[in-house]
Amino acid sequence: MALLLAGRLTPTNVALLDAFRAVDPTASLLPLEDAVRRARQGDTVLARLDVLPTLDGIEPGLRDLEALARRGVQVVNPAGAILTAHDKLATAIKLRTAGVPHPRTAHVGDEGLLTPLDYPVVVKPRFGSWGRDVVRCHDECELAATIAEFSSRPWFRRQGALVQELVPPLGYDLRILVARGQVVGAIQRVSAPGEWRTNIALGGRRLPIVPPAEACATAIEAAATIGGGLLGVDLLPTRYGYTVIELNGCVDFTFEYSLPGEDVFLEVARALRPVPVAALAAVEALPGGE
């Protein structure tokens, strides 16, 4: 059984490869098309497909992942999980249906907002990342102005936008890494001065954290809801507990995510090491499994 990492040459993927080789010396980092040619029944492929820089979809390869699964390859983050994690509308539907705390969400297009929400709200692309084109609107006028501004964006013309009721920002959030039902890392992201969004791409900074048990339980439940084998789960604390804001199907992370005394990359590698199909099925049948 081989472990293949299918994705681009990024700092996270290179660090993951080093960790994977500590548990499987034959592990490889390959472009997805090469992983598809090489993988055999019983192998494990960790798919690392990200959002397109144009914010209008996902990097190509979902059909390849479906073909791998049909061939008996264990695909970590299968096509359906990646699509659901990256498509924020699909994420909202899945989480709300499963009863996982998540902001009330609606879709908006040229016809305007059809589902009434309480203000303030946040407008964002369905396939967004890096905090780009994420806008806070305090009333209907601001929302209308934002939609008018976005109407010329290619991503908006293709799939409209997502509107969510704002969870009051506290200047920080939690990102928890979940691998096959286990919390393997976490970080607190603190927003830059004068910025309400916590994205590192917008100047946010990372602080080490030991995530509370309630936050870990919510993150594990969210990951299990979409069948994700390796996900980043973004949460905000509220007076009722923790609310899942977003899921990340190609989460980038650093050694700073390590829990005390651990190496986050090794913890991911150990959690995702190839296992016999029968053993994996038994694990996934347990409460909180994939």
Protein backbone atom coordinates (compact mmCIF):
# COMPACT_ATOMS: atom_id res chain seq x y z
CA MET A 1 0.00 0.00 0.00
CA ALA A 2 1.42 3.35 -1.05
CA LEU A 3 0.63 6.86 0.14
CA LEU A 4 0.49 9.49 -2.58
CA LEU A 5 0.06 13.22 -2.06
CA ALA A 6 -1.68 14.70 -5.11
CA GLY A 7 -1.18 18.43 -5.37
CA ARG A 8 1.04 21.36 -6.21
CA LEU A 9 4.50 22.15 -4.85
CA THR A 10 3.53 24.32 -1.86
CA PRO A 11 5.22 24.72 1.55
CA THR A 12 2.42 22.78 3.24
CA ASN A 13 2.58 19.91 0.74
CA VAL A 14 6.38 19.68 0.95
CA ALA A 15 6.23 19.52 4.76
CA LEU A 16 3.48 16.91 4.53
CA LEU A 17 5.61 14.83 2.17
CA ASP A 18 8.53 14.85 4.63
CA ALA A 19 6.18 13.70 7.38
CA PHE A 20 4.55 11.03 5.21
CA ARG A 21 7.98 9.60 4.38
CA ALA A 22 8.60 9.18 8.11
CA VAL A 23 5.73 6.66 8.21
CA ASP A 24 6.02 5.41 4.61
CA PRO A 25 9.41 5.88 2.88
CA THR A 26 7.77 5.36 -0.53
CA ALA A 27 5.37 8.30 -0.16
CA SER A 28 5.40 10.72 -3.09
CA LEU A 29 4.17 14.21 -3.97
CA LEU A 30 2.82 14.18 -7.51
CA PRO A 31 0.61 16.25 -9.77
CA LEU A 32 -2.88 14.77 -9.68
CA GLU A 33 -2.66 13.37 -13.21
CA ASP A 34 0.52 11.46 -12.27
CA ALA A 35 -1.04 10.18 -9.06
CA VAL A 36 -4.01 8.90 -11.08
CA ARG A 37 -1.69 6.92 -13.36
CA ARG A 38 0.37 5.51 -10.50
CA ALA A 39 -2.21 4.67 -7.83
CA ARG A 40 -3.31 1.06 -7.44
CA GLN A 41 -6.08 -0.62 -5.48
CA GLY A 42 -5.40 -0.29 -1.75
CA ASP A 43 -3.21 2.81 -2.10
CA THR A 44 -4.08 6.04 -0.31
CA VAL A 45 -4.23 9.35 -2.19
CA LEU A 46 -4.51 12.64 -0.31
CA ALA A 47 -6.12 15.03 -2.79
CA ARG A 48 -5.11 18.68 -2.45
CA LEU A 49 -7.36 20.56 -4.87
CA ASP A 50 -7.78 24.23 -4.00
CA VAL A 51 -10.08 27.06 -5.00
CA LEU A 52 -9.17 28.72 -8.30
CA PRO A 53 -7.54 32.17 -8.02
CA THR A 54 -10.51 33.47 -10.05
CA LEU A 55 -12.87 32.39 -7.20
CA ASP A 56 -15.28 30.72 -9.63
CA GLY A 57 -14.63 27.06 -8.87
CA ILE A 58 -12.10 24.40 -7.93
CA GLU A 59 -8.90 23.28 -9.56
CA PRO A 60 -9.54 20.51 -12.12
CA GLY A 61 -9.52 16.91 -10.97
CA LEU A 62 -12.80 15.97 -9.29
CA ARG A 63 -13.61 13.38 -11.98
CA ASP A 64 -10.14 11.89 -11.59
CA LEU A 65 -10.76 11.45 -7.87
CA GLU A 66 -14.06 9.71 -8.59
CA ALA A 67 -12.26 7.37 -11.00
CA LEU A 68 -9.63 6.57 -8.35
CA ALA A 69 -12.32 5.69 -5.82
CA ARG A 70 -13.98 3.34 -8.32
CA ARG A 71 -10.62 1.58 -8.74
CA GLY A 72 -10.42 0.82 -5.03
CA VAL A 73 -8.02 3.63 -4.10
CA GLN A 74 -8.59 5.19 -0.67
CA VAL A 75 -9.09 8.85 -1.53
CA VAL A 76 -8.64 11.17 1.44
CA ASN A 77 -10.96 14.10 0.78
CA PRO A 78 -12.95 12.47 -2.01
CA ALA A 79 -14.51 14.55 -4.76
CA GLY A 80 -17.78 15.11 -2.90
CA ALA A 81 -16.03 16.28 0.26
CA ILE A 82 -13.79 18.70 -1.62
CA LEU A 83 -16.72 20.15 -3.56
CA THR A 84 -18.85 20.54 -0.44
CA ALA A 85 -16.04 22.14 1.56
CA HIS A 86 -15.12 24.65 -1.14
CA ASP A 87 -18.69 25.49 -2.19
CA LYS A 88 -19.88 27.56 0.73
CA LEU A 89 -23.54 27.17 -0.23
CA ALA A 90 -23.17 23.38 -0.17
CA THR A 91 -21.33 23.67 3.15
CA ALA A 92 -24.20 25.69 4.63
CA ILE A 93 -26.83 23.20 3.47
CA LYS A 94 -24.90 20.21 4.84
CA LEU A 95 -24.11 21.74 8.20
CA ARG A 96 -27.56 23.20 8.82
CA THR A 97 -29.22 19.91 7.82
CA ALA A 98 -26.98 18.02 10.25
CA GLY A 99 -27.63 20.52 13.04
CA VAL A 100 -24.03 21.75 13.21
CA PRO A 101 -23.99 25.42 14.31
CA HIS A 102 -23.56 27.64 11.24
CA PRO A 103 -24.74 31.15 10.32
CA ARG A 104 -28.08 31.49 8.54
CA THR A 105 -27.24 31.62 4.86
CA ALA A 106 -28.87 32.62 1.59
CA HIS A 107 -27.86 32.77 -2.04
CA VAL A 108 -28.05 36.01 -4.00
CA GLY A 109 -27.89 36.63 -7.74
CA ASP A 110 -29.20 39.20 -10.18
CA GLU A 111 -32.67 38.74 -8.68
CA GLY A 112 -31.47 39.98 -5.30
CA LEU A 113 -31.79 38.38 -1.89
CA LEU A 114 -34.84 36.11 -1.81
CA THR A 115 -34.47 34.82 1.76
CA PRO A 116 -34.75 37.47 4.49
CA LEU A 117 -31.83 37.61 6.91
CA ASP A 118 -31.06 39.74 9.94
CA TYR A 119 -28.46 42.48 9.48
CA PRO A 120 -25.54 42.88 9.54
CA VAL A 121 -24.65 40.27 6.95
CA VAL A 122 -21.50 39.12 5.17
CA VAL A 123 -21.35 38.77 1.39
CA LYS A 124 -18.75 36.41 -0.07
CA PRO A 125 -18.08 34.30 -3.18
CA ARG A 126 -19.41 30.75 -3.14
CA PHE A 127 -15.88 29.55 -3.92
CA GLY A 128 -13.89 32.06 -1.94
CA SER A 129 -10.58 32.09 -0.14
CA TRP A 130 -7.90 34.39 1.27
CA GLY A 131 -10.60 36.84 2.46
CA ARG A 132 -10.98 38.25 -1.05
CA ASP A 133 -14.31 39.90 -1.94
CA VAL A 134 -15.69 39.34 1.57
CA VAL A 135 -17.75 42.39 2.57
CA ARG A 136 -19.76 43.26 5.68
CA CYS A 137 -23.09 45.00 5.05
CA HIS A 138 -25.06 46.69 7.81
CA ASP A 139 -28.36 47.22 5.97
CA GLU A 140 -30.23 46.68 2.72
CA CYS A 141 -28.64 49.72 1.07
CA GLU A 142 -25.13 48.47 1.69
CA LEU A 143 -26.09 45.00 0.50
CA ALA A 144 -27.59 46.38 -2.70
CA ALA A 145 -24.47 48.46 -3.34
CA THR A 146 -22.22 45.45 -2.76
CA ILE A 147 -24.24 43.26 -5.11
CA ALA A 148 -24.13 46.00 -7.75
CA GLU A 149 -20.34 46.19 -7.36
CA PHE A 150 -19.96 42.41 -7.57
CA SER A 151 -22.30 42.07 -10.56
CA SER A 152 -19.39 42.68 -12.96
CA ARG A 153 -17.16 40.04 -11.34
CA PRO A 154 -16.83 36.84 -13.47
CA TRP A 155 -17.37 34.67 -10.39
CA PHE A 156 -20.61 36.50 -9.55
CA ARG A 157 -21.95 36.24 -13.11
CA ARG A 158 -21.28 32.52 -13.00
CA GLN A 159 -22.77 31.56 -9.62
CA GLY A 160 -23.96 34.58 -7.66
CA ALA A 161 -22.80 35.12 -4.09
CA LEU A 162 -23.40 33.88 -0.60
CA VAL A 163 -24.97 36.06 2.10
CA GLN A 164 -24.67 35.06 5.76
CA GLU A 165 -25.81 36.60 8.99
CA LEU A 166 -22.77 38.03 10.73
CA VAL A 167 -21.43 36.23 13.77
CA PRO A 168 -20.14 39.17 15.86
CA PRO A 169 -16.38 39.23 15.31
CA LEU A 170 -14.15 39.20 18.37
CA GLY A 171 -10.92 39.91 16.52
CA TYR A 172 -9.91 36.26 16.43
CA ASP A 173 -11.12 32.84 15.40
CA LEU A 174 -10.01 29.21 15.73
CA ARG A 175 -8.89 26.99 12.90
CA ILE A 176 -8.84 23.32 13.86
CA LEU A 177 -7.30 20.61 11.69
CA VAL A 178 -9.24 17.35 11.61
CA ALA A 179 -7.74 14.21 10.06
CA ARG A 180 -9.90 11.07 9.92
CA GLY A 181 -11.95 12.13 12.89
CA GLN A 182 -9.02 13.29 15.03
CA VAL A 183 -7.98 16.80 15.98
CA VAL A 184 -4.33 16.95 14.88
CA GLY A 185 -3.62 20.67 15.09
CA ALA A 186 -5.07 24.10 15.79
CA ILE A 187 -4.28 27.77 15.68
CA GLN A 188 -5.85 31.02 16.80
CA ARG A 189 -5.95 33.60 14.00
CA VAL A 190 -5.92 37.21 15.14
CA SER A 191 -7.05 39.94 12.77
CA ALA A 192 -4.76 42.78 11.77
CA PRO A 193 -5.35 46.21 13.38
CA GLY A 194 -8.44 47.83 11.87
CA GLU A 195 -9.43 44.60 10.10
CA TRP A 196 -12.40 42.43 11.14
CA ARG A 197 -11.41 39.45 8.96
CA THR A 198 -8.79 37.08 10.39
CA ASN A 199 -7.24 35.84 7.14
CA ILE A 200 -3.45 35.63 7.22
CA ALA A 201 -3.47 36.92 3.63
CA LEU A 202 -4.99 40.14 5.01
CA GLY A 203 -2.35 40.64 7.66
CA GLY A 204 -3.73 38.38 10.39
CA ARG A 205 -1.32 36.57 12.67
CA ARG A 206 -1.22 33.12 14.19
CA LEU A 207 -1.05 32.31 17.89
CA PRO A 208 -0.62 28.82 19.36
CA ILE A 209 -3.63 27.45 21.18
CA VAL A 210 -4.89 24.35 22.90
CA PRO A 211 -8.45 24.24 21.52
CA PRO A 212 -11.27 23.76 24.03
CA ALA A 213 -12.94 20.35 24.05
CA GLU A 214 -16.24 21.84 22.85
CA ALA A 215 -14.55 23.44 19.85
CA CYS A 216 -12.82 20.15 19.00
CA ALA A 217 -16.10 18.23 19.18
CA THR A 218 -17.82 20.74 16.89
CA ALA A 219 -14.93 20.61 14.39
CA ILE A 220 -14.97 16.80 14.31
CA GLU A 221 -18.73 16.79 13.78
CA ALA A 222 -18.46 19.30 10.94
CA ALA A 223 -15.74 17.29 9.18
CA ALA A 224 -17.73 14.07 9.54
CA THR A 225 -20.80 15.75 8.06
CA ILE A 226 -19.14 16.13 4.66
CA GLY A 227 -16.92 13.04 4.77
CA GLY A 228 -13.69 15.02 4.86
CA GLY A 229 -10.49 13.14 5.69
CA LEU A 230 -8.33 16.25 6.18
CA LEU A 231 -10.05 19.57 6.70
CA GLY A 232 -9.50 22.92 8.29
CA VAL A 233 -12.54 23.96 10.31
CA ASP A 234 -12.91 27.66 11.13
CA LEU A 235 -14.91 28.44 14.25
CA LEU A 236 -16.03 31.50 16.16
CA PRO A 237 -17.00 31.43 19.84
CA THR A 238 -20.50 32.60 20.69
CA ARG A 239 -22.52 32.72 23.89
CA TYR A 240 -24.00 29.35 22.88
CA GLY A 241 -20.70 27.59 22.17
CA TYR A 242 -18.88 27.52 18.84
CA THR A 243 -20.17 28.22 15.34
CA VAL A 244 -18.54 26.78 12.24
CA ILE A 245 -17.86 29.62 9.80
CA GLU A 246 -16.17 27.76 6.97
CA LEU A 247 -14.55 24.47 5.98
CA ASN A 248 -11.32 24.32 4.00
CA GLY A 249 -10.80 21.31 1.75
CA CYS A 250 -7.18 22.20 0.92
CA VAL A 251 -6.08 23.78 4.14
CA ASP A 252 -2.60 25.30 4.28
CA PHE A 253 -0.90 25.15 7.66
CA THR A 254 2.46 25.56 9.34
CA PHE A 255 4.34 24.04 12.27
CA GLU A 256 2.63 26.69 14.44
CA TYR A 257 -0.51 24.54 14.28
CA SER A 258 1.22 21.86 16.37
CA LEU A 259 -0.40 20.98 19.69
CA PRO A 260 1.92 20.97 22.74
CA GLY A 261 4.67 18.37 22.38
CA GLU A 262 3.57 17.32 18.90
CA ASP A 263 4.49 17.91 15.26
CA VAL A 264 1.32 18.73 13.32
CA PHE A 265 2.67 17.30 10.08
CA LEU A 266 3.61 13.99 11.69
CA GLU A 267 0.21 13.84 13.39
CA VAL A 268 -1.50 14.27 10.02
CA ALA A 269 0.73 11.61 8.47
CA ARG A 270 0.00 9.13 11.24
CA ALA A 271 -3.72 9.75 11.03
CA LEU A 272 -3.75 9.30 7.25
CA ARG A 273 -1.35 6.38 6.92
CA PRO A 274 -2.68 3.62 4.64
CA VAL A 275 -4.83 1.07 6.45
CA PRO A 276 -6.54 -2.06 5.18
CA VAL A 277 -9.92 -1.30 3.62
CA ALA A 278 -11.76 -3.49 6.13
CA ALA A 279 -10.13 -1.69 9.06
CA LEU A 280 -10.94 1.72 7.58
CA ALA A 281 -14.59 0.74 7.10
CA ALA A 282 -14.78 -0.31 10.75
CA VAL A 283 -13.35 3.04 11.89
CA GLU A 284 -15.71 5.04 9.71
CA ALA A 285 -18.68 3.12 11.13
CA LEU A 286 -17.93 4.44 14.62
CA PRO A 287 -19.69 7.59 15.86
CA GLY A 288 -17.69 10.59 14.73
CA GLY A 289 -16.02 8.68 11.85
CA GLU A 290 -15.90 9.96 8.32
